[in-house]
Amino acid sequence: MKIKLQALGWGGSSRDKVLSIILLGAILGALGMLGYVIAKPKGGERFTEFYILGLSGTATDYPTEIRLGEQGTVIVGIVNHEYEVVSYRVEVEIDGVKNNELGPVVLAHEQEWEGTINFMPDKLGDNQKVDFLLYKNGEAAPVLEPLHLWINVTE
């Protein structure tokens, strides 16, 4: 029994016909893969941006000299690159003691947020470390390493 494929313009040797069928299969396979990649794109790296700025909106002019009883203020920024909605919370600690908290800040993927946060030292002294810790979705441990400033507190 012999199967004969014949179509308009379908001529040539058996070898040419087999190569044409292989080429057609490869083209259809490539189109199928392209459709899959478009329909189901691979997610990128998941991460959160977290930063502090001085009140001028730049990475300068941070409060470094504060009088006892006065507040220091910085701008805190969060950018969500987690490919899901995330609830964030920011804590401020001075020398390891919680001083203030901000949140929740709920952000969708690729959404950015900036706001101010205050801290008020409760003791005199130089080189007090002010840490800014970022938590996500109610987790007990911070998402990232804390950001910090060093302040001198005077009378």
N, C-alpha and C. Protein backbone atom coordinates (compact mmCIF):
# COMPACT_ATOMS: atom_id res chain seq x y z
N MET A 1 0.85 -1.17 0.00
CA MET A 1 0.00 0.00 0.00
C MET A 1 0.89 1.23 0.00
N LYS A 2 0.61 2.17 -0.87
CA LYS A 2 1.42 3.37 -1.02
C LYS A 2 0.54 4.60 -0.83
N ILE A 3 0.99 5.51 0.09
CA ILE A 3 0.23 6.75 0.33
C ILE A 3 0.87 7.84 -0.50
N LYS A 4 0.04 8.55 -1.21
CA LYS A 4 0.57 9.58 -2.09
C LYS A 4 -0.02 10.93 -1.66
N LEU A 5 0.86 11.89 -1.26
CA LEU A 5 0.43 13.23 -0.90
C LEU A 5 0.53 14.10 -2.14
N GLN A 6 -0.56 14.77 -2.41
CA GLN A 6 -0.53 15.61 -3.59
C GLN A 6 -1.35 16.86 -3.30
N ALA A 7 -0.77 18.01 -3.54
CA ALA A 7 -1.45 19.29 -3.38
C ALA A 7 -0.97 20.18 -4.49
N LEU A 8 -1.60 21.34 -4.61
CA LEU A 8 -1.16 22.28 -5.63
C LEU A 8 0.28 22.64 -5.40
N GLY A 9 1.07 22.54 -6.37
CA GLY A 9 2.47 22.89 -6.27
C GLY A 9 3.28 21.89 -5.47
N TRP A 10 2.74 20.74 -5.17
CA TRP A 10 3.43 19.75 -4.35
C TRP A 10 4.14 18.80 -5.30
N GLY A 11 5.30 19.18 -5.65
CA GLY A 11 6.06 18.33 -6.56
C GLY A 11 7.43 18.07 -5.97
N GLY A 12 8.26 17.48 -6.67
CA GLY A 12 9.61 17.23 -6.21
C GLY A 12 9.76 15.83 -5.68
N SER A 13 10.93 15.57 -5.18
CA SER A 13 11.26 14.23 -4.71
C SER A 13 10.67 13.97 -3.33
N SER A 14 10.73 12.70 -2.93
CA SER A 14 10.25 12.32 -1.59
C SER A 14 11.05 13.04 -0.51
N ARG A 15 12.32 13.20 -0.74
CA ARG A 15 13.18 13.89 0.23
C ARG A 15 12.70 15.33 0.42
N ASP A 16 12.37 16.03 -0.65
CA ASP A 16 11.88 17.41 -0.55
C ASP A 16 10.56 17.48 0.21
N LYS A 17 9.71 16.48 -0.01
CA LYS A 17 8.42 16.44 0.68
C LYS A 17 8.62 16.24 2.19
N VAL A 18 9.52 15.33 2.57
CA VAL A 18 9.78 15.09 4.00
C VAL A 18 10.37 16.34 4.65
N LEU A 19 11.33 16.97 3.97
CA LEU A 19 11.91 18.20 4.52
C LEU A 19 10.87 19.31 4.65
N SER A 20 9.95 19.41 3.70
CA SER A 20 8.88 20.42 3.77
C SER A 20 7.97 20.16 4.96
N ILE A 21 7.65 18.89 5.21
CA ILE A 21 6.79 18.54 6.35
C ILE A 21 7.51 18.86 7.66
N ILE A 22 8.80 18.55 7.75
CA ILE A 22 9.59 18.86 8.96
C ILE A 22 9.63 20.37 9.18
N LEU A 23 9.87 21.14 8.12
CA LEU A 23 9.90 22.60 8.23
C LEU A 23 8.55 23.14 8.68
N LEU A 24 7.47 22.64 8.12
CA LEU A 24 6.14 23.07 8.52
C LEU A 24 5.88 22.74 10.00
N GLY A 25 6.30 21.57 10.44
CA GLY A 25 6.15 21.19 11.86
C GLY A 25 6.95 22.11 12.77
N ALA A 26 8.17 22.45 12.35
CA ALA A 26 9.01 23.34 13.16
C ALA A 26 8.39 24.73 13.27
N ILE A 27 7.82 25.23 12.17
CA ILE A 27 7.18 26.55 12.19
C ILE A 27 5.96 26.53 13.10
N LEU A 28 5.14 25.48 13.01
CA LEU A 28 3.97 25.38 13.88
C LEU A 28 4.38 25.26 15.35
N GLY A 29 5.44 24.49 15.62
CA GLY A 29 5.93 24.38 17.00
C GLY A 29 6.42 25.71 17.55
N ALA A 30 7.15 26.48 16.71
CA ALA A 30 7.64 27.80 17.15
C ALA A 30 6.48 28.75 17.41
N LEU A 31 5.46 28.71 16.57
CA LEU A 31 4.28 29.56 16.80
C LEU A 31 3.56 29.16 18.09
N GLY A 32 3.48 27.87 18.35
CA GLY A 32 2.86 27.40 19.59
C GLY A 32 3.62 27.87 20.81
N MET A 33 4.96 27.80 20.77
CA MET A 33 5.78 28.28 21.90
C MET A 33 5.62 29.78 22.09
N LEU A 34 5.59 30.53 21.00
CA LEU A 34 5.41 31.98 21.08
C LEU A 34 4.07 32.31 21.75
N GLY A 35 3.02 31.60 21.34
CA GLY A 35 1.71 31.81 21.96
C GLY A 35 1.73 31.52 23.45
N TYR A 36 2.42 30.47 23.85
CA TYR A 36 2.51 30.11 25.27
C TYR A 36 3.24 31.19 26.06
N VAL A 37 4.36 31.68 25.53
CA VAL A 37 5.14 32.71 26.23
C VAL A 37 4.33 34.00 26.37
N ILE A 38 3.57 34.33 25.36
CA ILE A 38 2.75 35.54 25.44
C ILE A 38 1.62 35.35 26.45
N ALA A 39 1.00 34.18 26.46
CA ALA A 39 -0.12 33.92 27.37
C ALA A 39 0.33 33.74 28.81
N LYS A 40 1.50 33.20 29.04
CA LYS A 40 1.99 32.93 30.40
C LYS A 40 3.41 33.47 30.55
N PRO A 41 3.57 34.81 30.67
CA PRO A 41 4.92 35.35 30.80
C PRO A 41 5.57 34.94 32.12
N LYS A 42 6.87 34.78 32.08
CA LYS A 42 7.61 34.41 33.29
C LYS A 42 7.71 35.64 34.19
N GLY A 43 7.41 35.47 35.47
CA GLY A 43 7.54 36.56 36.42
C GLY A 43 9.00 36.89 36.67
N GLY A 44 9.28 38.14 36.90
CA GLY A 44 10.65 38.55 37.17
C GLY A 44 11.00 38.34 38.64
N GLU A 45 12.11 38.91 39.02
CA GLU A 45 12.58 38.81 40.40
C GLU A 45 11.62 39.56 41.32
N ARG A 46 11.32 38.96 42.47
CA ARG A 46 10.43 39.57 43.45
C ARG A 46 11.28 40.31 44.49
N PHE A 47 10.98 41.59 44.69
CA PHE A 47 11.70 42.36 45.70
C PHE A 47 10.92 43.62 46.05
N THR A 48 11.34 44.27 47.12
CA THR A 48 10.75 45.52 47.56
C THR A 48 11.85 46.56 47.67
N GLU A 49 11.59 47.76 47.17
CA GLU A 49 12.50 48.88 47.36
C GLU A 49 12.08 49.59 48.65
N PHE A 50 13.06 49.98 49.46
CA PHE A 50 12.79 50.67 50.72
C PHE A 50 13.90 51.70 50.90
N TYR A 51 13.52 52.96 51.11
CA TYR A 51 14.53 54.01 51.22
C TYR A 51 14.05 55.11 52.15
N ILE A 52 15.02 55.91 52.63
CA ILE A 52 14.71 57.10 53.40
C ILE A 52 15.38 58.29 52.73
N LEU A 53 14.70 59.44 52.82
CA LEU A 53 15.21 60.69 52.26
C LEU A 53 15.08 61.79 53.30
N GLY A 54 15.90 62.82 53.15
CA GLY A 54 15.72 64.01 53.97
C GLY A 54 14.47 64.75 53.53
N LEU A 55 14.05 65.74 54.29
CA LEU A 55 12.82 66.46 53.97
C LEU A 55 12.90 67.24 52.66
N SER A 56 14.11 67.42 52.11
CA SER A 56 14.25 68.06 50.81
C SER A 56 13.91 67.10 49.68
N GLY A 57 13.69 65.81 50.01
CA GLY A 57 13.36 64.82 49.00
C GLY A 57 14.58 64.21 48.34
N THR A 58 15.74 64.43 48.93
CA THR A 58 16.98 63.86 48.40
C THR A 58 17.67 63.04 49.49
N ALA A 59 18.69 62.32 49.09
CA ALA A 59 19.42 61.49 50.05
C ALA A 59 20.45 62.33 50.81
N THR A 60 20.03 63.51 51.22
CA THR A 60 20.86 64.42 52.02
C THR A 60 19.94 65.10 53.04
N ASP A 61 20.52 65.93 53.87
CA ASP A 61 19.78 66.73 54.84
C ASP A 61 18.99 65.89 55.83
N TYR A 62 19.54 64.75 56.21
CA TYR A 62 18.90 63.94 57.25
C TYR A 62 19.07 64.64 58.59
N PRO A 63 18.12 64.48 59.49
CA PRO A 63 18.30 65.08 60.82
C PRO A 63 19.43 64.35 61.55
N THR A 64 20.43 65.10 61.98
CA THR A 64 21.55 64.50 62.71
C THR A 64 21.74 65.12 64.09
N GLU A 65 21.29 66.35 64.26
CA GLU A 65 21.35 67.06 65.54
C GLU A 65 19.93 67.38 65.98
N ILE A 66 19.49 66.78 67.08
CA ILE A 66 18.11 66.97 67.55
C ILE A 66 18.14 67.35 69.02
N ARG A 67 17.30 68.29 69.40
CA ARG A 67 17.17 68.65 70.81
C ARG A 67 16.24 67.65 71.49
N LEU A 68 16.53 67.36 72.74
CA LEU A 68 15.69 66.46 73.52
C LEU A 68 14.27 67.03 73.55
N GLY A 69 13.28 66.22 73.25
CA GLY A 69 11.89 66.66 73.23
C GLY A 69 11.42 67.12 71.86
N GLU A 70 12.34 67.21 70.88
CA GLU A 70 11.96 67.57 69.52
C GLU A 70 11.92 66.32 68.65
N GLN A 71 11.20 66.45 67.56
CA GLN A 71 11.08 65.31 66.63
C GLN A 71 12.07 65.44 65.48
N GLY A 72 12.53 64.29 65.03
CA GLY A 72 13.23 64.20 63.76
C GLY A 72 12.24 63.65 62.75
N THR A 73 12.35 64.08 61.51
CA THR A 73 11.43 63.63 60.47
C THR A 73 12.21 63.27 59.22
N VAL A 74 11.82 62.15 58.59
CA VAL A 74 12.39 61.75 57.30
C VAL A 74 11.25 61.31 56.39
N ILE A 75 11.55 61.24 55.11
CA ILE A 75 10.62 60.68 54.13
C ILE A 75 10.98 59.21 53.96
N VAL A 76 9.97 58.36 54.04
CA VAL A 76 10.16 56.92 53.83
C VAL A 76 9.51 56.57 52.49
N GLY A 77 10.21 55.77 51.69
CA GLY A 77 9.67 55.33 50.40
C GLY A 77 9.64 53.82 50.30
N ILE A 78 8.58 53.31 49.70
CA ILE A 78 8.42 51.87 49.49
C ILE A 78 7.93 51.68 48.05
N VAL A 79 8.55 50.73 47.32
CA VAL A 79 8.10 50.36 45.98
C VAL A 79 7.94 48.85 45.95
N ASN A 80 6.75 48.40 45.56
CA ASN A 80 6.43 46.97 45.54
C ASN A 80 6.74 46.37 44.17
N HIS A 81 7.68 45.41 44.14
CA HIS A 81 7.99 44.63 42.94
C HIS A 81 7.77 43.15 43.25
N GLU A 82 6.75 42.83 44.03
CA GLU A 82 6.52 41.47 44.53
C GLU A 82 5.53 40.66 43.69
N TYR A 83 4.98 41.25 42.63
CA TYR A 83 4.01 40.58 41.76
C TYR A 83 2.74 40.17 42.51
N GLU A 84 2.42 40.89 43.60
CA GLU A 84 1.19 40.66 44.35
C GLU A 84 0.95 41.88 45.24
N VAL A 85 -0.26 42.00 45.75
CA VAL A 85 -0.58 43.08 46.70
C VAL A 85 0.10 42.74 48.03
N VAL A 86 0.78 43.74 48.61
CA VAL A 86 1.50 43.53 49.87
C VAL A 86 1.13 44.63 50.86
N SER A 87 0.98 44.25 52.11
CA SER A 87 0.75 45.20 53.20
C SER A 87 2.07 45.39 53.95
N TYR A 88 2.53 46.64 53.99
CA TYR A 88 3.81 46.95 54.63
C TYR A 88 3.60 47.72 55.93
N ARG A 89 4.55 47.60 56.84
CA ARG A 89 4.57 48.35 58.09
C ARG A 89 6.02 48.77 58.33
N VAL A 90 6.22 50.02 58.79
CA VAL A 90 7.55 50.54 59.08
C VAL A 90 7.64 50.81 60.58
N GLU A 91 8.70 50.36 61.20
CA GLU A 91 8.97 50.67 62.61
C GLU A 91 10.25 51.48 62.70
N VAL A 92 10.27 52.40 63.66
CA VAL A 92 11.47 53.17 63.96
C VAL A 92 11.95 52.76 65.34
N GLU A 93 13.22 52.44 65.43
CA GLU A 93 13.84 52.12 66.72
C GLU A 93 15.02 53.07 66.94
N ILE A 94 15.18 53.51 68.19
CA ILE A 94 16.36 54.29 68.55
C ILE A 94 17.15 53.46 69.55
N ASP A 95 18.37 53.13 69.17
CA ASP A 95 19.24 52.26 69.98
C ASP A 95 18.51 50.98 70.40
N GLY A 96 17.76 50.38 69.46
CA GLY A 96 17.11 49.10 69.70
C GLY A 96 15.77 49.17 70.40
N VAL A 97 15.29 50.37 70.73
CA VAL A 97 14.01 50.52 71.43
C VAL A 97 13.00 51.14 70.46
N LYS A 98 11.84 50.47 70.33
CA LYS A 98 10.81 50.95 69.41
C LYS A 98 10.37 52.35 69.80
N ASN A 99 10.31 53.24 68.79
CA ASN A 99 9.99 54.64 69.02
C ASN A 99 8.74 55.08 68.27
N ASN A 100 8.48 54.50 67.10
CA ASN A 100 7.32 54.89 66.31
C ASN A 100 7.01 53.77 65.32
N GLU A 101 5.81 53.85 64.76
CA GLU A 101 5.36 52.85 63.79
C GLU A 101 4.47 53.52 62.76
N LEU A 102 4.52 53.03 61.53
CA LEU A 102 3.71 53.57 60.44
C LEU A 102 3.12 52.40 59.66
N GLY A 103 1.85 52.48 59.36
CA GLY A 103 1.25 51.43 58.52
C GLY A 103 -0.10 51.04 59.05
N PRO A 104 -0.78 50.18 58.35
CA PRO A 104 -0.29 49.49 57.15
C PRO A 104 -0.34 50.38 55.90
N VAL A 105 0.61 50.12 55.01
CA VAL A 105 0.64 50.72 53.69
C VAL A 105 0.46 49.57 52.71
N VAL A 106 -0.68 49.56 52.02
CA VAL A 106 -1.00 48.46 51.11
C VAL A 106 -0.71 48.91 49.68
N LEU A 107 0.16 48.15 49.00
CA LEU A 107 0.58 48.51 47.64
C LEU A 107 0.37 47.34 46.69
N ALA A 108 -0.12 47.65 45.50
CA ALA A 108 -0.21 46.67 44.42
C ALA A 108 1.16 46.55 43.76
N HIS A 109 1.33 45.54 42.94
CA HIS A 109 2.59 45.34 42.21
C HIS A 109 2.94 46.60 41.41
N GLU A 110 4.18 47.03 41.51
CA GLU A 110 4.73 48.21 40.83
C GLU A 110 4.20 49.53 41.39
N GLN A 111 3.44 49.51 42.47
CA GLN A 111 2.94 50.75 43.07
C GLN A 111 4.01 51.31 44.00
N GLU A 112 4.11 52.64 44.04
CA GLU A 112 5.09 53.33 44.87
C GLU A 112 4.37 54.17 45.92
N TRP A 113 5.03 54.36 47.07
CA TRP A 113 4.46 55.18 48.13
C TRP A 113 5.59 55.91 48.83
N GLU A 114 5.36 57.18 49.16
CA GLU A 114 6.27 57.97 50.00
C GLU A 114 5.45 58.70 51.04
N GLY A 115 5.98 58.78 52.25
CA GLY A 115 5.34 59.52 53.32
C GLY A 115 6.37 59.87 54.38
N THR A 116 5.99 60.73 55.30
CA THR A 116 6.92 61.12 56.36
C THR A 116 6.69 60.26 57.59
N ILE A 117 7.76 60.09 58.34
CA ILE A 117 7.67 59.40 59.63
C ILE A 117 8.55 60.18 60.60
N ASN A 118 8.06 60.29 61.83
CA ASN A 118 8.75 61.03 62.88
C ASN A 118 9.35 60.09 63.90
N PHE A 119 10.35 60.58 64.60
CA PHE A 119 10.90 59.87 65.75
C PHE A 119 11.31 60.91 66.77
N MET A 120 11.21 60.56 68.04
CA MET A 120 11.55 61.50 69.10
C MET A 120 12.45 60.79 70.13
N PRO A 121 13.71 61.18 70.17
CA PRO A 121 14.61 60.57 71.15
C PRO A 121 14.19 60.92 72.57
N ASP A 122 14.42 59.97 73.50
CA ASP A 122 14.01 60.22 74.89
C ASP A 122 15.19 60.29 75.85
N LYS A 123 16.42 60.40 75.31
CA LYS A 123 17.59 60.55 76.19
C LYS A 123 18.67 61.33 75.45
N LEU A 124 19.49 62.00 76.23
CA LEU A 124 20.62 62.75 75.68
C LEU A 124 21.72 61.78 75.25
N GLY A 125 22.54 62.22 74.30
CA GLY A 125 23.70 61.43 73.93
C GLY A 125 24.04 61.53 72.46
N ASP A 126 25.30 61.26 72.18
CA ASP A 126 25.79 61.28 70.80
C ASP A 126 25.74 59.88 70.20
N ASN A 127 25.75 59.86 68.88
CA ASN A 127 25.81 58.62 68.11
C ASN A 127 24.72 57.61 68.48
N GLN A 128 23.49 58.10 68.58
CA GLN A 128 22.37 57.20 68.79
C GLN A 128 21.92 56.69 67.43
N LYS A 129 21.72 55.39 67.33
CA LYS A 129 21.36 54.76 66.06
C LYS A 129 19.84 54.72 65.91
N VAL A 130 19.36 55.32 64.82
CA VAL A 130 17.93 55.30 64.48
C VAL A 130 17.75 54.31 63.33
N ASP A 131 17.06 53.20 63.61
CA ASP A 131 16.81 52.18 62.60
C ASP A 131 15.40 52.30 62.04
N PHE A 132 15.27 52.06 60.74
CA PHE A 132 13.97 52.02 60.05
C PHE A 132 13.82 50.60 59.53
N LEU A 133 12.83 49.89 60.08
CA LEU A 133 12.63 48.48 59.74
C LEU A 133 11.35 48.32 58.93
N LEU A 134 11.40 47.52 57.87
CA LEU A 134 10.25 47.29 57.01
C LEU A 134 9.76 45.86 57.17
N TYR A 135 8.46 45.74 57.47
CA TYR A 135 7.82 44.43 57.62
C TYR A 135 6.77 44.29 56.53
N LYS A 136 6.53 43.06 56.07
CA LYS A 136 5.48 42.86 55.07
C LYS A 136 4.52 41.77 55.51
N ASN A 137 3.25 42.00 55.21
CA ASN A 137 2.17 41.04 55.45
C ASN A 137 2.16 40.49 56.88
N GLY A 138 2.46 41.32 57.85
CA GLY A 138 2.38 40.91 59.25
C GLY A 138 3.47 39.96 59.72
N GLU A 139 4.52 39.76 58.92
CA GLU A 139 5.59 38.85 59.33
C GLU A 139 6.33 39.41 60.54
N ALA A 140 6.91 38.51 61.34
CA ALA A 140 7.58 38.92 62.57
C ALA A 140 8.98 39.49 62.32
N ALA A 141 9.61 39.09 61.23
CA ALA A 141 10.97 39.56 60.93
C ALA A 141 10.92 40.60 59.82
N PRO A 142 11.82 41.59 59.86
CA PRO A 142 11.85 42.59 58.79
C PRO A 142 12.17 41.93 57.44
N VAL A 143 11.65 42.53 56.38
CA VAL A 143 11.87 42.04 55.03
C VAL A 143 13.32 42.26 54.59
N LEU A 144 13.87 43.40 54.93
CA LEU A 144 15.21 43.80 54.50
C LEU A 144 16.05 44.18 55.71
N GLU A 145 17.33 44.38 55.46
CA GLU A 145 18.19 44.93 56.50
C GLU A 145 17.68 46.33 56.84
N PRO A 146 17.75 46.72 58.11
CA PRO A 146 17.24 48.05 58.48
C PRO A 146 18.07 49.17 57.83
N LEU A 147 17.40 50.27 57.53
CA LEU A 147 18.08 51.50 57.14
C LEU A 147 18.36 52.25 58.43
N HIS A 148 19.42 53.03 58.49
CA HIS A 148 19.67 53.73 59.75
C HIS A 148 20.34 55.08 59.55
N LEU A 149 20.15 55.90 60.59
CA LEU A 149 20.80 57.21 60.72
C LEU A 149 21.49 57.26 62.07
N TRP A 150 22.44 58.12 62.19
CA TRP A 150 23.09 58.38 63.48
C TRP A 150 22.74 59.80 63.89
N ILE A 151 22.26 59.97 65.14
CA ILE A 151 21.87 61.29 65.62
C ILE A 151 22.58 61.63 66.91
N ASN A 152 22.75 62.92 67.13
CA ASN A 152 23.24 63.44 68.40
C ASN A 152 22.07 64.19 69.04
N VAL A 153 21.79 63.88 70.31
CA VAL A 153 20.67 64.50 71.01
C VAL A 153 21.23 65.41 72.09
N THR A 154 20.85 66.69 71.99
CA THR A 154 21.36 67.70 72.94
C THR A 154 20.19 68.31 73.70
N GLU A 155 20.54 69.14 74.74
CA GLU A 155 19.47 69.82 75.51
C GLU A 155 18.96 71.02 74.80
